[in-house]
């Protein structure tokens, strides 16, 4: 029986091409759409907002961290695609008892491309998967940051203030975009304070649109606290949504980098 190794090192066996797929990760749901799997995907989360037509039509199975197990059972999936960080281990362990569950674990761009190719193999969409990966590689290869690293804090939350640390996909995207993460000494998504931003000689604060929806009023409040620091609002999806969406990321990074340098 054919077997497939996921990004946590687990092996799942599939002797069929999946026809009833559930995605528990918004960015990977979008990837499945871009792989042409409209008929095969039967369930998504309430946070799977792209594409619109899927969000409006596909059955919802709860959120990424509050999965509706009964809803999943009712859909009778033959493959579930999850993520180590996005989904709760306890939920996934329950699902593993009933269904093949393929889990991604993504920190680097290489992890992302590996995930796309492996899901392409799993779903018999290898040609399209390779095309997406080639586009991603070309777009990042063409990204010019002029070797000028901007000392940056990337905020994902407020009350308390939280930033992206070193071992995150967001940090990988920051580095690719030419933003030097001033919190590389911290792991995951640590809580920080304004004094720490000052002490690290921050030049730029990026206020992400997700998971906390930073707006103009937050930018203005930060600017009063840190008048010497450049502050911009950014599309969090293009820093944190691994999968096919990051084909768009290099062009966006160039745009916001130019904006930051033009202050």
Protein backbone atom coordinates (compact mmCIF):
# COMPACT_ATOMS: atom_id res chain seq x y z
CA UNK A 1 0.00 0.00 0.00
CA UNK A 2 1.41 3.44 -0.90
CA UNK A 3 2.62 5.42 2.12
CA UNK A 4 3.30 9.12 2.62
CA UNK A 5 5.45 10.82 5.25
CA UNK A 6 4.15 14.10 6.67
CA UNK A 7 6.30 16.95 8.00
CA UNK A 8 6.24 15.62 11.56
CA UNK A 9 7.76 12.33 10.39
CA UNK A 10 4.53 10.35 10.62
CA UNK A 11 3.59 7.89 7.90
CA UNK A 12 0.07 7.54 6.56
CA UNK A 13 -1.06 4.85 4.13
CA UNK A 14 -3.36 5.66 1.20
CA UNK A 15 -4.20 3.19 -1.54
CA UNK A 16 -6.54 5.65 -3.27
CA UNK A 17 -6.64 9.22 -4.58
CA UNK A 18 -8.51 11.22 -1.91
CA UNK A 19 -12.00 12.33 -2.94
CA UNK A 20 -13.29 13.72 0.38
CA UNK A 21 -10.70 16.07 1.86
CA UNK A 22 -11.05 18.25 4.95
CA UNK A 23 -8.61 21.12 5.50
CA UNK A 24 -8.08 22.43 9.03
CA UNK A 25 -5.71 25.25 8.02
CA UNK A 26 -6.77 28.42 6.14
CA UNK A 27 -3.60 28.84 4.08
CA UNK A 28 -3.59 25.18 3.08
CA UNK A 29 -7.26 25.42 2.13
CA UNK A 30 -6.29 28.13 -0.34
CA UNK A 31 -3.52 25.89 -1.65
CA UNK A 32 -5.98 23.05 -2.24
CA UNK A 33 -8.11 25.47 -4.26
CA UNK A 34 -5.11 26.52 -6.32
CA UNK A 35 -4.30 22.85 -6.93
CA UNK A 36 -7.75 22.52 -8.54
CA UNK A 37 -9.40 20.40 -5.85
CA UNK A 38 -12.78 22.10 -5.72
CA UNK A 39 -14.81 18.88 -5.91
CA UNK A 40 -12.57 16.94 -3.55
CA UNK A 41 -12.55 19.40 -0.62
CA UNK A 42 -15.70 18.84 1.44
CA UNK A 43 -14.89 20.63 4.69
CA UNK A 44 -12.97 23.70 5.87
CA UNK A 45 -12.69 25.83 9.02
CA UNK A 46 -14.57 29.04 9.73
CA UNK A 47 -11.28 30.89 9.26
CA UNK A 48 -10.71 29.57 5.72
CA UNK A 49 -11.74 32.84 4.10
CA UNK A 50 -9.95 32.29 0.77
CA UNK A 51 -11.34 31.74 -1.77
CA UNK A 52 -14.66 33.51 -1.15
CA UNK A 53 -16.67 30.95 -3.09
CA UNK A 54 -15.38 28.14 -0.88
CA UNK A 55 -15.96 30.11 2.31
CA UNK A 56 -19.56 30.70 1.28
CA UNK A 57 -20.25 27.17 0.04
CA UNK A 58 -18.11 24.58 1.84
CA UNK A 59 -19.19 22.92 5.10
CA UNK A 60 -17.50 24.43 8.17
CA UNK A 61 -16.01 22.10 10.77
CA UNK A 62 -15.32 24.65 13.50
CA UNK A 63 -12.17 26.70 14.02
CA UNK A 64 -8.54 25.74 13.79
CA UNK A 65 -8.32 25.28 17.57
CA UNK A 66 -11.93 24.32 18.31
CA UNK A 67 -12.64 21.64 15.74
CA UNK A 68 -16.14 20.17 15.58
CA UNK A 69 -15.38 16.45 15.61
CA UNK A 70 -19.01 15.49 14.97
CA UNK A 71 -19.14 17.71 11.88
CA UNK A 72 -16.02 15.99 10.58
CA UNK A 73 -17.50 12.55 11.16
CA UNK A 74 -20.63 13.56 9.24
CA UNK A 75 -18.53 14.43 6.18
CA UNK A 76 -16.81 11.01 6.11
CA UNK A 77 -13.42 12.34 4.95
CA UNK A 78 -10.82 10.10 3.35
CA UNK A 79 -8.02 12.61 4.09
CA UNK A 80 -7.58 15.41 6.65
CA UNK A 81 -4.85 18.02 6.22
CA UNK A 82 -3.71 19.71 9.44
CA UNK A 83 -0.81 21.73 10.86
CA UNK A 84 1.29 21.17 13.97
CA UNK A 85 1.02 24.78 15.17
CA UNK A 86 -2.45 25.72 14.00
CA UNK A 87 -4.35 22.72 15.34
CA UNK A 88 -4.56 21.22 18.83
CA UNK A 89 -2.68 17.97 19.36
CA UNK A 90 -5.61 16.54 21.34
CA UNK A 91 -8.02 17.11 18.44
CA UNK A 92 -5.65 15.64 15.89
CA UNK A 93 -5.04 12.55 18.00
CA UNK A 94 -8.79 11.88 18.07
CA UNK A 95 -9.06 12.29 14.30
CA UNK A 96 -6.07 9.99 13.72
CA UNK A 97 -8.05 7.14 15.25
CA UNK A 98 -10.56 7.36 12.40
CA UNK A 99 -8.95 8.97 9.34
CA UNK A 100 -5.62 9.50 7.55
CA UNK A 101 -4.29 12.83 8.86
CA UNK A 102 -1.39 14.54 7.08
CA UNK A 103 0.31 17.23 9.22
CA UNK A 104 2.48 20.10 8.04
CA UNK A 105 5.15 21.80 10.17
CA UNK A 106 6.45 24.96 8.53
CA UNK A 107 9.15 27.40 9.62
CA UNK A 108 11.19 27.98 6.47
CA UNK A 109 10.52 28.63 2.81
CA UNK A 110 11.96 25.19 2.11
CA UNK A 111 9.39 23.68 4.49
CA UNK A 112 6.66 25.50 2.61
CA UNK A 113 7.76 24.26 -0.79
CA UNK A 114 8.18 20.74 0.53
CA UNK A 115 4.62 20.87 1.89
CA UNK A 116 3.20 21.99 -1.45
CA UNK A 117 4.98 19.23 -3.35
CA UNK A 118 3.97 16.56 -0.85
CA UNK A 119 0.32 17.62 -0.87
CA UNK A 120 0.53 17.60 -4.67
CA UNK A 121 1.71 13.99 -4.51
CA UNK A 122 -0.97 13.07 -1.95
CA UNK A 123 -3.77 14.51 -4.06
CA UNK A 124 -2.45 13.55 -7.51
CA UNK A 125 -1.87 17.21 -8.48
CA UNK A 126 1.92 17.05 -8.77
CA UNK A 127 2.19 19.05 -11.99
CA UNK A 128 0.28 22.03 -10.58
CA UNK A 129 2.17 21.79 -7.27
CA UNK A 130 5.53 21.95 -9.07
CA UNK A 131 4.30 24.97 -11.05
CA UNK A 132 3.37 26.80 -7.83
CA UNK A 133 6.72 26.00 -6.20
CA UNK A 134 8.63 27.16 -9.28
CA UNK A 135 6.75 30.47 -9.22
CA UNK A 136 7.48 30.94 -5.52
CA UNK A 137 11.19 30.22 -6.01
CA UNK A 138 11.48 32.58 -8.97
CA UNK A 139 9.65 35.39 -7.19
CA UNK A 140 11.84 35.13 -4.09
CA UNK A 141 15.00 34.87 -6.17
CA UNK A 142 14.04 38.14 -7.85
CA UNK A 143 13.41 39.93 -4.54
CA UNK A 144 16.02 42.67 -4.11
CA UNK A 145 16.59 44.01 -0.58
CA UNK A 146 19.78 45.94 -1.39
CA UNK A 147 21.52 44.26 1.57
CA UNK A 148 20.07 46.97 3.84
CA UNK A 149 18.55 45.31 6.88
CA UNK A 150 15.94 47.36 8.72
CA UNK A 151 15.80 46.67 12.48
CA UNK A 152 12.17 45.66 12.90
CA UNK A 153 9.59 44.48 15.42
CA UNK A 154 6.63 42.58 13.97
CA UNK A 155 3.63 42.87 16.27
CA UNK A 156 0.85 40.29 16.15
CA UNK A 157 -1.08 41.29 19.30
CA UNK A 158 -1.69 44.01 21.82
CA UNK A 159 -2.73 43.91 25.48
CA UNK A 160 -0.27 42.31 25.95
CA UNK A 161 2.07 43.29 23.13
CA UNK A 162 3.26 40.16 21.35
CA UNK A 163 5.77 39.82 18.51
CA UNK A 164 7.02 37.17 16.12
CA UNK A 165 10.15 35.53 17.49
CA UNK A 166 12.92 33.58 15.81
CA UNK A 167 11.43 30.13 15.17
CA UNK A 168 8.41 31.26 13.14
CA UNK A 169 7.46 31.40 9.49
CA UNK A 170 6.83 35.12 9.96
CA UNK A 171 10.48 35.58 10.91
CA UNK A 172 11.52 33.69 7.77
CA UNK A 173 9.45 36.09 5.68
CA UNK A 174 10.84 39.10 7.55
CA UNK A 175 14.39 38.01 6.77
CA UNK A 176 13.54 37.44 3.10
CA UNK A 177 12.02 40.92 2.92
CA UNK A 178 15.10 42.59 4.38
CA UNK A 179 13.68 43.23 7.85
CA UNK A 180 16.03 42.33 10.72
CA UNK A 181 13.95 40.91 13.55
CA UNK A 182 15.08 42.65 16.77
CA UNK A 183 13.58 39.80 18.81
CA UNK A 184 15.61 36.95 17.32
CA UNK A 185 16.71 36.03 20.84
CA UNK A 186 13.12 35.10 21.71
CA UNK A 187 11.15 32.03 20.66
CA UNK A 188 7.70 31.74 19.12
CA UNK A 189 5.43 34.70 20.00
CA UNK A 190 6.76 36.33 23.17
CA UNK A 191 5.19 39.14 25.16
CA UNK A 192 7.26 42.33 25.06
CA UNK A 193 6.99 45.94 26.24
CA UNK A 194 7.72 49.35 24.80
CA UNK A 195 11.01 49.63 26.68
CA UNK A 196 12.31 46.47 25.02
CA UNK A 197 11.53 47.95 21.62
CA UNK A 198 13.51 51.07 22.55
CA UNK A 199 16.43 49.08 23.99
CA UNK A 200 16.79 47.08 20.78
CA UNK A 201 17.20 50.25 18.69
CA UNK A 202 14.14 49.51 16.60
CA UNK A 203 13.85 51.39 13.32
CA UNK A 204 10.51 49.99 12.16
CA UNK A 205 7.40 48.50 13.72
CA UNK A 206 5.14 46.39 11.51
CA UNK A 207 1.57 46.17 12.80
CA UNK A 208 0.01 43.05 11.32
CA UNK A 209 -3.59 42.73 10.18
CA UNK A 210 -3.80 39.34 11.89
CA UNK A 211 -4.31 37.69 14.28
CA UNK A 212 -4.91 41.05 15.98
CA UNK A 213 -6.53 43.46 13.50
CA UNK A 214 -4.29 46.49 13.93
CA UNK A 215 -5.78 49.67 12.42
CA UNK A 216 -4.80 53.28 11.82
CA UNK A 217 -5.76 54.23 15.39
CA UNK A 218 -3.23 51.74 16.73
CA UNK A 219 -0.55 53.13 14.44
CA UNK A 220 -1.23 56.62 15.77
CA UNK A 221 -1.06 55.41 19.38
CA UNK A 222 2.28 53.68 18.77
CA UNK A 223 3.64 56.73 17.02
CA UNK A 224 2.99 58.83 20.12
CA UNK A 225 4.85 56.30 22.26
CA UNK A 226 7.71 55.91 19.77
CA UNK A 227 7.98 59.13 17.75
CA UNK A 228 11.42 58.23 16.32
CA UNK A 229 10.33 54.84 14.98
CA UNK A 230 8.73 54.24 11.59
CA UNK A 231 5.43 52.41 11.92
CA UNK A 232 3.42 50.76 9.15
CA UNK A 233 0.34 48.60 8.85
CA UNK A 234 0.87 45.37 6.91
CA UNK A 235 -1.13 42.52 5.42
CA UNK A 236 -0.46 39.69 7.85
CA UNK A 237 -1.53 37.03 5.38
CA UNK A 238 1.48 37.76 3.19
CA UNK A 239 3.83 37.23 6.12
CA UNK A 240 2.17 34.22 7.72
CA UNK A 241 0.08 32.31 5.15
CA UNK A 242 2.37 29.61 3.84
CA UNK A 243 1.18 27.78 0.74
CA UNK A 244 0.35 29.26 -2.63
CA UNK A 245 -0.42 32.76 -1.29
CA UNK A 246 3.26 33.53 -0.81
CA UNK A 247 3.70 33.66 -4.58
CA UNK A 248 2.40 37.21 -4.03
CA UNK A 249 4.66 37.98 -1.07
CA UNK A 250 7.91 39.19 -2.75
CA UNK A 251 6.14 41.94 -4.72
CA UNK A 252 4.35 43.02 -1.55
CA UNK A 253 7.56 42.97 0.50
CA UNK A 254 9.22 45.27 -2.03
CA UNK A 255 6.30 47.65 -1.75
CA UNK A 256 6.27 47.93 2.03
CA UNK A 257 10.06 47.99 2.20
CA UNK A 258 10.11 50.98 -0.12
CA UNK A 259 7.41 52.58 2.01
CA UNK A 260 9.46 52.07 5.17
CA UNK A 261 12.61 53.51 3.59
CA UNK A 262 10.77 56.54 2.23
CA UNK A 263 9.68 57.88 5.63
